Amino acid sequence: MDNFGKFGFHLNVTKSVYFQDGKEFPVDIPYLNFESNGNVSLDGHDSVGAFSFSGKIEGDHLFLKKAYHGAHTVFYCGNLEKNRLNLAYDFQGDYQMLLNKVNSGEYMALMEFEANLYNLFLDDNHEIDYNVFLVYDEKKNKYKGLGLIKNKLTKVIMKKKECNYAKLKLKNDEGERSIRVTIDNSNNNIYLERNSSTRNYALRINKFVYLKEGHEYNTFLPHLYFRDNGHCSNEVTDNNGYCEFKGHFENEIFFMEKTYPGKLSVYFAGKMDNNRLNLAYDFTPDYGTLKSKVMSHQNNAFFELEHKPFNLVLNPDEGKTHLALLKESDGNKLKGFSVVDNKLNIIIFKRKKDAKKAKLKIKTSSKVMYIRAKFDETSNNIIKKKNKD
């Protein structure tokens, strides 16, 4: 697998055939070109004649168009499985029908690649995965490849260390990031290494946008890692260079500092609104003014999250509420966290058949609690039940 341009790659094809009347017919395709925007292209030929392939990768699937020069066009849909792309095709371009075929195992062609498919989990909670193609160089003890990560074609380099540990480098046109991971070769899984002393909850940032002179600019921040004391941090490299994030919640208000060491710092205050953390920022640490701007909806940045805000009431007699950020999990479960009295609380919230009744599991660094609760969907209040309730 060689790069052929900025953040683009050749994915070498070791075998390509189509099936007809129970027989395999070879197709001369030496590689697929993957462009930085996820587009796929190549030129090749088979017994019919010369052709050009074009298409796009979307999740586990590739959608391709094979145009014979001066002749007809064939439309393909394929799903990725280990080092193989299983394909269905027709001549009308009915991609939904083709998608249904490949998902039900009706394959009419295939491509096999030099690389192997791995599941990459970039979430401390091991709940979010991406597919990456990697080739292992035994002499250099290094993996190289590519993947579509957060809809960006990303260069992947992984250097093995001791045991199953490795250093993973991700690079695309938004920046570069190096992280420590563990490899499970039995199922081709790669996990972000968990460190309970420093990274107890990973809050995934789907989108981080700031506004400047009326224009929106995306910045690279895939996660904020919350520790036992409720504070969060991360280190990334964006278009302006290496930077450090540090932040914390004070009740419903979020405060954060983004620092480019030796250069400048940017200061933020934010407040949740549904699954968006609206932010105001400035280059001076006047958090009081930033908080006032956020409260009056004078926002000039935001995070988009999978989590949504809930009000956690652990002492109903006191009436004190704590902000909880939760996201949908399997079934009737919500998972997330809350910072209570400067301590991180990992929360699993399970609603019962009666939507007003619920069970909470709250985990801190020192204990696990199981709590009966009431849920008010109108106010998003999760209230601990009193013994007499």
Protein backbone atom coordinates (compact mmCIF):
# COMPACT_ATOMS: atom_id res chain seq x y z
CA MET A 1 0.00 0.00 0.00
CA ASP A 2 1.67 3.22 -1.16
CA ASN A 3 0.58 6.82 -0.88
CA PHE A 4 0.06 8.63 -4.19
CA GLY A 5 -0.77 12.12 -2.95
CA LYS A 6 -1.65 14.05 0.14
CA PHE A 7 -3.66 11.66 2.33
CA GLY A 8 -4.42 9.38 -0.65
CA PHE A 9 -3.53 5.70 -1.01
CA HIS A 10 -3.24 2.72 -3.30
CA LEU A 11 -4.98 -0.30 -1.81
CA ASN A 12 -3.35 -3.24 -3.61
CA VAL A 13 -5.76 -5.81 -5.07
CA THR A 14 -4.43 -9.39 -5.01
CA LYS A 15 -7.48 -10.98 -6.65
CA SER A 16 -10.48 -9.67 -8.59
CA VAL A 17 -13.08 -11.90 -10.27
CA TYR A 18 -16.72 -11.94 -11.31
CA PHE A 19 -18.97 -15.00 -11.35
CA GLN A 20 -21.03 -16.20 -14.28
CA ASP A 21 -22.65 -19.61 -14.78
CA GLY A 22 -20.78 -20.96 -11.78
CA LYS A 23 -17.37 -19.93 -13.10
CA GLU A 24 -14.85 -17.27 -12.06
CA PHE A 25 -13.62 -14.74 -14.62
CA PRO A 26 -10.54 -12.64 -13.75
CA VAL A 27 -10.52 -8.83 -13.87
CA ASP A 28 -7.22 -6.98 -14.13
CA ILE A 29 -7.37 -4.46 -11.26
CA PRO A 30 -3.96 -3.91 -9.62
CA TYR A 31 -5.18 -1.49 -6.95
CA LEU A 32 -7.87 0.94 -5.85
CA ASN A 33 -7.08 4.62 -5.38
CA PHE A 34 -8.61 6.11 -2.24
CA GLU A 35 -8.75 9.90 -2.25
CA SER A 36 -8.78 12.11 0.85
CA ASN A 37 -12.56 12.72 0.56
CA GLY A 38 -13.35 8.98 0.49
CA ASN A 39 -13.73 8.78 -3.30
CA VAL A 40 -12.42 5.68 -5.08
CA SER A 41 -10.98 5.52 -8.59
CA LEU A 42 -8.82 3.39 -10.89
CA ASP A 43 -8.30 2.39 -14.51
CA GLY A 44 -8.12 -1.25 -15.60
CA HIS A 45 -9.15 -3.76 -18.24
CA ASP A 46 -10.66 -7.21 -18.57
CA SER A 47 -11.84 -9.44 -21.43
CA VAL A 48 -14.55 -6.90 -22.34
CA GLY A 49 -12.16 -3.97 -22.70
CA ALA A 50 -10.60 -0.98 -20.92
CA PHE A 51 -12.62 0.72 -18.18
CA SER A 52 -12.54 3.39 -15.49
CA PHE A 53 -13.81 2.79 -11.96
CA SER A 54 -15.19 5.59 -9.81
CA GLY A 55 -17.14 5.58 -6.58
CA LYS A 56 -17.24 6.33 -2.87
CA ILE A 57 -16.80 4.49 0.42
CA GLU A 58 -19.62 4.86 2.94
CA GLY A 59 -19.13 3.01 6.21
CA ASP A 60 -18.72 -0.73 5.49
CA HIS A 61 -19.82 -0.37 1.86
CA LEU A 62 -18.34 0.77 -1.44
CA PHE A 63 -20.51 2.07 -4.26
CA LEU A 64 -18.75 1.88 -7.63
CA LYS A 65 -19.37 2.62 -11.28
CA LYS A 66 -17.35 0.76 -13.93
CA ALA A 67 -17.50 2.61 -17.26
CA TYR A 68 -16.09 0.77 -20.29
CA HIS A 69 -14.53 3.26 -22.66
CA GLY A 70 -16.99 3.99 -25.46
CA ALA A 71 -19.36 1.26 -24.27
CA HIS A 72 -21.69 0.31 -21.40
CA THR A 73 -21.46 0.93 -17.65
CA VAL A 74 -21.70 -1.58 -14.78
CA PHE A 75 -22.79 -0.51 -11.27
CA TYR A 76 -21.43 -2.21 -8.15
CA CYS A 77 -22.14 -2.28 -4.45
CA GLY A 78 -19.84 -4.12 -2.08
CA ASN A 79 -19.41 -4.77 1.63
CA LEU A 80 -16.07 -5.14 3.38
CA GLU A 81 -15.21 -8.37 5.16
CA LYS A 82 -11.68 -8.91 6.48
CA ASN A 83 -9.46 -8.52 3.39
CA ARG A 84 -12.30 -9.01 0.90
CA LEU A 85 -14.83 -6.78 -0.85
CA ASN A 86 -17.93 -8.84 -1.72
CA LEU A 87 -19.83 -7.32 -4.66
CA ALA A 88 -23.15 -7.35 -6.46
CA TYR A 89 -23.64 -5.57 -9.78
CA ASP A 90 -26.23 -4.63 -12.39
CA PHE A 91 -26.51 -2.42 -15.48
CA GLN A 92 -29.27 -0.06 -14.26
CA GLY A 93 -27.61 1.58 -11.25
CA ASP A 94 -30.21 0.45 -8.69
CA TYR A 95 -27.90 0.79 -5.69
CA GLN A 96 -30.62 0.04 -3.12
CA MET A 97 -31.30 -3.31 -4.75
CA LEU A 98 -27.56 -4.03 -4.91
CA LEU A 99 -27.16 -3.04 -1.27
CA ASN A 100 -29.92 -5.48 -0.31
CA LYS A 101 -28.22 -8.24 -2.27
CA VAL A 102 -24.79 -7.88 -0.70
CA ASN A 103 -26.29 -7.54 2.78
CA SER A 104 -28.16 -10.81 2.23
CA GLY A 105 -25.05 -12.60 0.92
CA GLU A 106 -25.91 -12.60 -2.83
CA TYR A 107 -22.43 -11.95 -4.22
CA MET A 108 -21.65 -11.76 -7.93
CA ALA A 109 -18.00 -10.65 -7.77
CA LEU A 110 -15.21 -10.05 -5.29
CA MET A 111 -11.92 -8.25 -4.73
CA GLU A 112 -9.27 -9.43 -2.27
CA PHE A 113 -6.74 -7.00 -0.87
CA GLU A 114 -3.19 -7.23 0.36
CA ALA A 115 -4.33 -5.53 3.57
CA ASN A 116 -6.43 -6.96 6.40
CA LEU A 117 -9.49 -5.29 7.90
CA TYR A 118 -9.26 -4.24 11.57
CA ASN A 119 -11.83 -2.80 13.98
CA LEU A 120 -10.46 0.36 15.55
CA PHE A 121 -12.09 1.50 18.80
CA LEU A 122 -11.29 5.15 19.49
CA ASP A 123 -13.44 5.39 22.61
CA ASP A 124 -12.34 4.59 26.16
CA ASN A 125 -15.73 2.97 26.65
CA HIS A 126 -15.13 0.56 23.75
CA GLU A 127 -18.47 1.38 22.16
CA ILE A 128 -17.52 3.14 18.91
CA ASP A 129 -15.58 1.47 16.13
CA TYR A 130 -14.15 2.24 12.70
CA ASN A 131 -12.86 -0.04 9.96
CA VAL A 132 -9.22 0.32 8.89
CA PHE A 133 -7.15 -1.58 6.35
CA LEU A 134 -3.64 -2.41 7.56
CA VAL A 135 -0.60 -4.17 6.08
CA TYR A 136 1.99 -5.54 8.51
CA ASP A 137 5.70 -5.04 7.72
CA GLU A 138 7.41 -7.73 9.78
CA LYS A 139 10.92 -6.30 9.33
CA LYS A 140 9.90 -2.86 10.63
CA ASN A 141 7.37 -4.27 13.12
CA LYS A 142 4.93 -1.70 11.78
CA TYR A 143 1.40 -1.61 10.35
CA LYS A 144 0.47 0.87 7.61
CA GLY A 145 -2.89 1.55 6.03
CA LEU A 146 -5.97 3.70 5.88
CA GLY A 147 -9.48 4.04 7.26
CA LEU A 148 -12.55 6.21 7.03
CA ILE A 149 -12.66 7.86 10.47
CA LYS A 150 -15.42 10.38 11.24
CA ASN A 151 -16.06 10.52 7.47
CA LYS A 152 -12.44 11.48 6.76
CA LEU A 153 -10.02 9.23 4.87
CA THR A 154 -7.22 8.84 7.39
CA LYS A 155 -3.67 7.55 7.14
CA VAL A 156 -2.99 4.92 9.83
CA ILE A 157 0.48 3.94 11.07
CA MET A 158 0.83 1.57 14.01
CA LYS A 159 4.19 0.65 15.57
CA LYS A 160 4.19 -2.39 17.84
CA LYS A 161 5.75 -2.03 21.28
CA GLU A 162 6.05 -4.57 24.09
CA CYS A 163 3.45 -7.37 24.35
CA ASN A 164 0.26 -6.26 22.57
CA TYR A 165 0.81 -2.53 23.05
CA ALA A 166 1.36 -0.24 20.09
CA LYS A 167 1.64 3.42 19.17
CA LEU A 168 -1.02 4.48 16.68
CA LYS A 169 -0.70 7.58 14.50
CA LEU A 170 -3.74 8.96 12.66
CA LYS A 171 -3.26 11.65 10.04
CA ASN A 172 -5.73 13.35 7.72
CA ASP A 173 -6.29 16.82 6.28
CA GLU A 174 -7.61 18.07 9.66
CA GLY A 175 -4.51 17.20 11.66
CA GLU A 176 -2.47 14.45 13.24
CA ARG A 177 -2.93 12.47 16.44
CA SER A 178 -0.78 9.85 18.21
CA ILE A 179 -2.29 7.52 20.81
CA ARG A 180 -1.36 4.36 22.70
CA VAL A 181 -3.43 1.26 21.87
CA THR A 182 -3.63 -2.46 22.48
CA ILE A 183 -3.99 -5.04 19.69
CA ASP A 184 -6.13 -8.17 19.91
CA ASN A 185 -5.07 -10.20 16.86
CA SER A 186 -7.55 -12.98 17.66
CA ASN A 187 -10.41 -10.80 16.38
CA ASN A 188 -8.48 -7.98 14.63
CA ASN A 189 -9.54 -5.42 17.24
CA ILE A 190 -7.48 -2.35 18.17
CA TYR A 191 -8.43 -0.62 21.43
CA LEU A 192 -7.57 2.77 22.81
CA GLU A 193 -5.57 1.89 25.90
CA ARG A 194 -7.50 2.46 29.10
CA ASN A 195 -5.77 4.11 32.04
CA SER A 196 -8.10 4.26 35.02
CA SER A 197 -5.98 6.82 36.87
CA THR A 198 -6.13 9.46 34.15
CA ARG A 199 -8.88 8.56 31.67
CA ASN A 200 -12.06 7.39 33.34
CA TYR A 201 -14.60 8.61 30.80
CA ALA A 202 -14.19 9.55 27.15
CA LEU A 203 -16.65 12.20 25.99
CA ARG A 204 -16.74 11.95 22.23
CA ILE A 205 -16.86 15.24 20.31
CA ASN A 206 -18.60 14.65 16.98
CA LYS A 207 -17.99 18.20 15.81
CA PHE A 208 -16.11 21.21 17.16
CA VAL A 209 -16.84 24.46 15.32
CA TYR A 210 -15.84 28.04 16.03
CA LEU A 211 -17.11 31.17 14.31
CA LYS A 212 -14.87 33.95 13.07
CA GLU A 213 -15.95 36.92 10.97
CA GLY A 214 -19.18 35.15 10.05
CA HIS A 215 -17.51 31.92 8.87
CA GLU A 216 -17.56 28.48 10.48
CA TYR A 217 -14.26 26.66 11.04
CA ASN A 218 -13.91 23.03 12.10
CA THR A 219 -11.23 22.15 14.62
CA PHE A 220 -9.88 18.72 15.59
CA LEU A 221 -10.87 17.40 19.02
CA PRO A 222 -12.20 13.81 18.97
CA HIS A 223 -12.58 13.35 22.75
CA LEU A 224 -12.29 15.00 26.13
CA TYR A 225 -11.09 12.60 28.82
CA PHE A 226 -12.66 13.06 32.26
CA ARG A 227 -10.71 11.95 35.34
CA ASP A 228 -11.76 11.01 38.87
CA ASN A 229 -11.69 14.64 40.02
CA GLY A 230 -14.16 15.68 37.32
CA HIS A 231 -11.63 17.61 35.25
CA CYS A 232 -11.04 16.79 31.58
CA SER A 233 -8.17 17.12 29.13
CA ASN A 234 -6.74 16.02 25.80
CA GLU A 235 -3.74 16.72 23.59
CA VAL A 236 -4.14 16.94 19.81
CA THR A 237 -2.54 18.48 16.74
CA ASP A 238 -4.79 20.65 14.59
CA ASN A 239 -4.13 22.95 11.62
CA ASN A 240 -2.38 25.45 13.90
CA GLY A 241 -0.12 22.89 15.58
CA TYR A 242 0.08 20.98 18.85
CA CYS A 243 -2.38 22.12 21.52
CA GLU A 244 -3.63 21.10 24.97
CA PHE A 245 -7.22 21.19 26.25
CA LYS A 246 -8.15 21.43 29.93
CA GLY A 247 -11.66 21.94 31.30
CA HIS A 248 -14.29 21.23 33.95
CA PHE A 249 -17.99 21.69 34.74
CA GLU A 250 -19.22 23.99 37.48
CA ASN A 251 -22.85 22.92 37.79
CA GLU A 252 -24.35 23.59 34.33
CA ILE A 253 -21.48 25.76 33.02
CA PHE A 254 -18.45 24.28 31.28
CA PHE A 255 -15.09 26.09 31.37
CA MET A 256 -12.18 25.18 29.10
CA GLU A 257 -8.75 26.45 28.09
CA LYS A 258 -7.06 25.57 24.79
CA THR A 259 -3.31 26.26 24.85
CA TYR A 260 -0.69 26.25 22.12
CA PRO A 261 2.44 26.00 24.33
CA GLY A 262 4.72 28.99 23.92
CA LYS A 263 2.21 30.75 21.66
CA LEU A 264 -1.30 31.61 22.83
CA SER A 265 -4.33 30.39 24.77
CA VAL A 266 -8.04 30.49 23.99
CA TYR A 267 -10.61 30.50 26.80
CA PHE A 268 -14.13 29.04 26.59
CA ALA A 269 -17.33 28.89 28.62
CA GLY A 270 -20.28 26.74 27.56
CA LYS A 271 -23.76 25.49 28.39
CA MET A 272 -25.63 22.43 27.12
CA ASP A 273 -28.64 22.78 24.80
CA ASN A 274 -29.96 19.37 23.80
CA ASN A 275 -26.94 17.54 22.31
CA ARG A 276 -25.00 20.75 21.64
CA LEU A 277 -22.61 22.43 24.04
CA ASN A 278 -22.84 26.10 23.04
CA LEU A 279 -19.61 27.99 23.69
CA ALA A 280 -18.28 31.52 23.87
CA TYR A 281 -14.54 32.10 23.54
CA ASP A 282 -11.99 34.88 23.87
CA PHE A 283 -8.24 35.30 24.12
CA THR A 284 -8.34 36.69 27.66
CA PRO A 285 -9.30 34.59 30.72
CA ASP A 286 -12.35 36.64 31.67
CA TYR A 287 -14.58 33.69 32.49
CA GLY A 288 -17.23 35.89 34.08
CA THR A 289 -17.83 37.72 30.81
CA LEU A 290 -17.73 34.46 28.86
CA LYS A 291 -20.31 32.93 31.19
CA SER A 292 -22.59 35.95 30.74
CA LYS A 293 -22.30 35.65 26.97
CA VAL A 294 -23.24 31.98 27.05
CA MET A 295 -26.20 32.59 29.34
CA SER A 296 -27.45 35.31 26.95
CA HIS A 297 -26.89 33.06 23.89
CA GLN A 298 -24.00 35.11 22.49
CA ASN A 299 -22.20 31.99 21.28
CA ASN A 300 -19.33 31.86 18.82
CA ALA A 301 -18.43 28.14 19.02
CA PHE A 302 -20.03 24.78 19.82
CA PHE A 303 -19.50 21.06 20.38
CA GLU A 304 -21.89 18.52 18.88
CA LEU A 305 -22.19 15.48 21.16
CA GLU A 306 -23.96 12.13 21.26
CA HIS A 307 -24.80 12.94 24.89
CA LYS A 308 -27.78 14.98 26.06
CA PRO A 309 -28.26 16.85 29.36
CA PHE A 310 -30.30 15.47 32.27
CA ASN A 311 -30.88 16.80 35.77
CA LEU A 312 -29.67 14.40 38.45
CA VAL A 313 -31.25 14.85 41.91
CA LEU A 314 -29.52 12.65 44.48
CA ASN A 315 -30.81 14.45 47.59
CA PRO A 316 -34.46 15.39 46.93
CA ASP A 317 -34.84 17.09 50.34
CA GLU A 318 -32.08 19.55 49.46
CA GLY A 319 -33.42 20.11 45.93
CA LYS A 320 -29.90 20.34 44.52
CA THR A 321 -29.45 19.18 40.91
CA HIS A 322 -26.36 18.03 39.07
CA LEU A 323 -25.87 18.05 35.32
CA ALA A 324 -25.65 14.53 33.86
CA LEU A 325 -24.60 13.89 30.25
CA LEU A 326 -26.12 10.66 28.95
CA LYS A 327 -26.41 8.95 25.59
CA GLU A 328 -28.63 6.19 24.25
CA SER A 329 -27.27 2.68 24.68
CA ASP A 330 -28.86 -0.72 24.10
CA GLY A 331 -32.53 -1.16 24.94
CA ASN A 332 -33.88 1.28 27.51
CA LYS A 333 -30.43 2.19 28.83
CA LEU A 334 -28.69 5.55 28.91
CA LYS A 335 -24.98 5.75 29.72
CA GLY A 336 -22.80 8.68 30.65
CA PHE A 337 -21.45 10.65 33.57
CA SER A 338 -22.00 13.46 36.05
CA VAL A 339 -19.60 15.48 38.16
CA VAL A 340 -20.88 15.55 41.76
CA ASP A 341 -18.92 17.40 44.47
CA ASN A 342 -15.78 17.36 42.29
CA LYS A 343 -15.99 13.61 41.74
CA LEU A 344 -16.64 11.80 38.48
CA ASN A 345 -19.72 9.56 38.60
CA ILE A 346 -20.12 7.02 35.79
CA ILE A 347 -23.86 6.50 35.28
CA ILE A 348 -25.97 3.73 33.77
CA PHE A 349 -29.63 4.71 33.75
CA LYS A 350 -32.18 1.99 32.92
CA ARG A 351 -35.82 2.87 32.36
CA LYS A 352 -38.42 0.25 33.20
CA LYS A 353 -41.64 -0.52 31.34
CA ASP A 354 -43.27 2.21 33.31
CA ALA A 355 -41.23 5.09 31.86
CA LYS A 356 -41.48 7.03 35.13
CA LYS A 357 -39.61 4.32 37.03
CA ALA A 358 -35.89 3.79 36.63
CA LYS A 359 -32.81 2.21 38.13
CA LEU A 360 -29.48 3.98 38.43
CA LYS A 361 -26.04 2.44 38.66
CA ILE A 362 -23.52 5.05 39.79
CA LYS A 363 -19.83 4.19 39.87
CA THR A 364 -17.07 6.30 41.40
CA SER A 365 -13.40 5.47 41.93
CA SER A 366 -14.23 4.06 45.37
CA LYS A 367 -17.70 2.50 45.21
CA VAL A 368 -20.68 1.37 43.15
CA MET A 369 -24.25 2.35 44.09
CA TYR A 370 -27.59 1.01 42.85
CA ILE A 371 -30.42 3.52 43.26
CA ARG A 372 -34.17 3.45 42.61
CA ALA A 373 -35.21 6.60 40.79
CA LYS A 374 -38.12 8.46 39.21
CA PHE A 375 -37.87 9.93 35.74
CA ASP A 376 -39.73 13.01 34.55
CA GLU A 377 -39.52 13.18 30.74
CA THR A 378 -40.95 16.72 30.67
CA SER A 379 -38.10 18.20 32.70
CA ASN A 380 -35.50 15.43 32.09
CA ASN A 381 -35.21 15.07 35.87
CA ILE A 382 -33.79 11.85 37.31
CA ILE A 383 -34.75 11.88 40.99
CA LYS A 384 -33.57 9.45 43.63
CA LYS A 385 -36.54 7.85 45.37
CA LYS A 386 -36.94 8.25 49.09
CA ASN A 387 -37.30 5.09 51.15
CA LYS A 388 -40.98 5.83 51.77
CA ASP A 389 -41.75 6.25 48.03
